[in-house]
Amino acid sequence: MNKSELVSKMAEKSGLTKKDSELALNAFMASVEEALVKQEKVQLVGFGTFETRERAAREGRNPRDPKVKIKIPASKAPVFKAGKGLKEKVNVNGKKATKKK
């Protein structure tokens, strides 16, 4: 599902217009981004948690020339951890949901 499909689904489920749904989605994404930049967690009970994690500096290999070592600097990475409710819905009756083709 891409952003426009998500906006359409949100409009359908909420009764809002697509334009209002897109504004709401954009506001949500901007709010999460601002919180993560400030190193804050965004917890949505039953859905999941957005947070940042520190990645230590490390040594890697150049993909074009595996013999050459490169230094990968330390960084912060945004992560999402699914909540219990979301995990249960994805794993209906303990069985993993299968992707429809």
Protein backbone atom coordinates (compact mmCIF):
# COMPACT_ATOMS: atom_id res chain seq x y z
CA MET A 1 0.00 0.00 0.00
CA ASN A 2 1.43 3.38 -0.95
CA LYS A 3 0.62 6.80 0.51
CA SER A 4 -2.26 7.62 -1.88
CA GLU A 5 -3.87 4.22 -1.23
CA LEU A 6 -3.50 4.79 2.52
CA VAL A 7 -5.09 8.25 2.22
CA SER A 8 -8.02 6.72 0.29
CA LYS A 9 -8.48 4.00 2.92
CA MET A 10 -8.33 6.56 5.74
CA ALA A 11 -10.94 8.72 3.99
CA GLU A 12 -13.20 5.69 3.51
CA LYS A 13 -12.96 4.57 7.15
CA SER A 14 -13.18 8.02 8.75
CA GLY A 15 -15.73 9.76 6.55
CA LEU A 16 -13.25 12.58 5.91
CA THR A 17 -12.46 13.84 2.44
CA LYS A 18 -9.29 12.57 0.78
CA LYS A 19 -7.81 16.06 1.13
CA ASP A 20 -8.53 16.13 4.88
CA SER A 21 -7.21 12.58 5.27
CA GLU A 22 -3.99 13.53 3.49
CA LEU A 23 -3.61 16.57 5.78
CA ALA A 24 -4.13 14.33 8.83
CA LEU A 25 -1.60 11.77 7.59
CA ASN A 26 0.96 14.48 6.79
CA ALA A 27 0.44 16.01 10.26
CA PHE A 28 0.92 12.59 11.87
CA MET A 29 4.14 11.91 9.94
CA ALA A 30 5.52 15.40 10.70
CA SER A 31 4.72 14.97 14.40
CA VAL A 32 6.48 11.60 14.56
CA GLU A 33 9.49 13.02 12.69
CA GLU A 34 9.75 15.99 15.09
CA ALA A 35 9.58 13.71 18.12
CA LEU A 36 12.27 11.38 16.75
CA VAL A 37 14.56 14.31 15.93
CA LYS A 38 14.21 15.35 19.60
CA GLN A 39 15.09 11.76 20.67
CA GLU A 40 11.55 11.23 22.02
CA LYS A 41 9.50 8.04 21.77
CA VAL A 42 6.06 7.98 20.19
CA GLN A 43 4.00 5.24 21.85
CA LEU A 44 0.64 4.21 20.41
CA VAL A 45 -0.74 1.62 22.83
CA GLY A 46 -1.82 -1.54 21.02
CA PHE A 47 -0.18 -0.40 17.77
CA GLY A 48 3.50 0.17 18.42
CA THR A 49 6.36 2.49 19.31
CA PHE A 50 8.50 4.73 17.12
CA GLU A 51 11.94 5.54 18.54
CA THR A 52 15.56 6.10 17.57
CA ARG A 53 18.47 3.80 18.30
CA GLU A 54 22.17 4.53 18.27
CA ARG A 55 24.32 2.66 15.78
CA ALA A 56 27.96 2.41 16.74
CA ALA A 57 30.74 3.22 14.33
CA ARG A 58 32.03 0.10 12.65
CA GLU A 59 34.24 -1.21 9.91
CA GLY A 60 32.70 -2.50 6.71
CA ARG A 61 33.69 -3.63 3.24
CA ASN A 62 33.42 -1.67 0.01
CA PRO A 63 30.76 -3.49 -2.06
CA ARG A 64 32.61 -2.69 -5.30
CA ASP A 65 35.93 -3.99 -3.98
CA PRO A 66 35.43 -6.35 -1.01
CA LYS A 67 39.14 -6.25 -0.18
CA VAL A 68 38.93 -2.55 0.72
CA LYS A 69 37.83 -1.77 4.27
CA ILE A 70 35.77 1.33 4.92
CA LYS A 71 34.81 3.12 8.14
CA ILE A 72 31.08 3.46 8.71
CA PRO A 73 30.39 6.35 11.09
CA ALA A 74 28.08 6.17 14.10
CA SER A 75 24.50 7.18 13.37
CA LYS A 76 20.97 7.23 14.73
CA ALA A 77 18.33 5.03 13.11
CA PRO A 78 14.56 5.37 13.41
CA VAL A 79 12.87 2.09 14.40
CA PHE A 80 9.32 0.85 14.84
CA LYS A 81 8.45 -1.86 17.33
CA ALA A 82 5.01 -3.40 16.84
CA GLY A 83 2.73 -3.51 19.87
CA LYS A 84 0.95 -6.57 21.22
CA GLY A 85 -2.39 -5.73 19.57
CA LEU A 86 -0.84 -5.28 16.13
CA LYS A 87 1.18 -8.48 16.47
CA GLU A 88 -1.94 -10.42 17.42
CA LYS A 89 -3.88 -9.11 14.42
CA VAL A 90 -1.04 -9.97 12.04
CA ASN A 91 -0.71 -13.44 13.57
CA VAL A 92 -4.40 -14.37 13.52
CA ASN A 93 -5.03 -17.43 15.72
CA GLY A 94 -1.30 -17.98 16.07
CA LYS A 95 -0.91 -18.46 12.31
CA LYS A 96 1.11 -16.03 10.27
CA ALA A 97 -0.91 -14.01 7.81
CA THR A 98 -0.06 -14.91 4.23
CA LYS A 99 0.45 -12.36 1.54
CA LYS A 100 -2.21 -12.51 -1.19
CA LYS A 101 -0.93 -12.68 -4.75
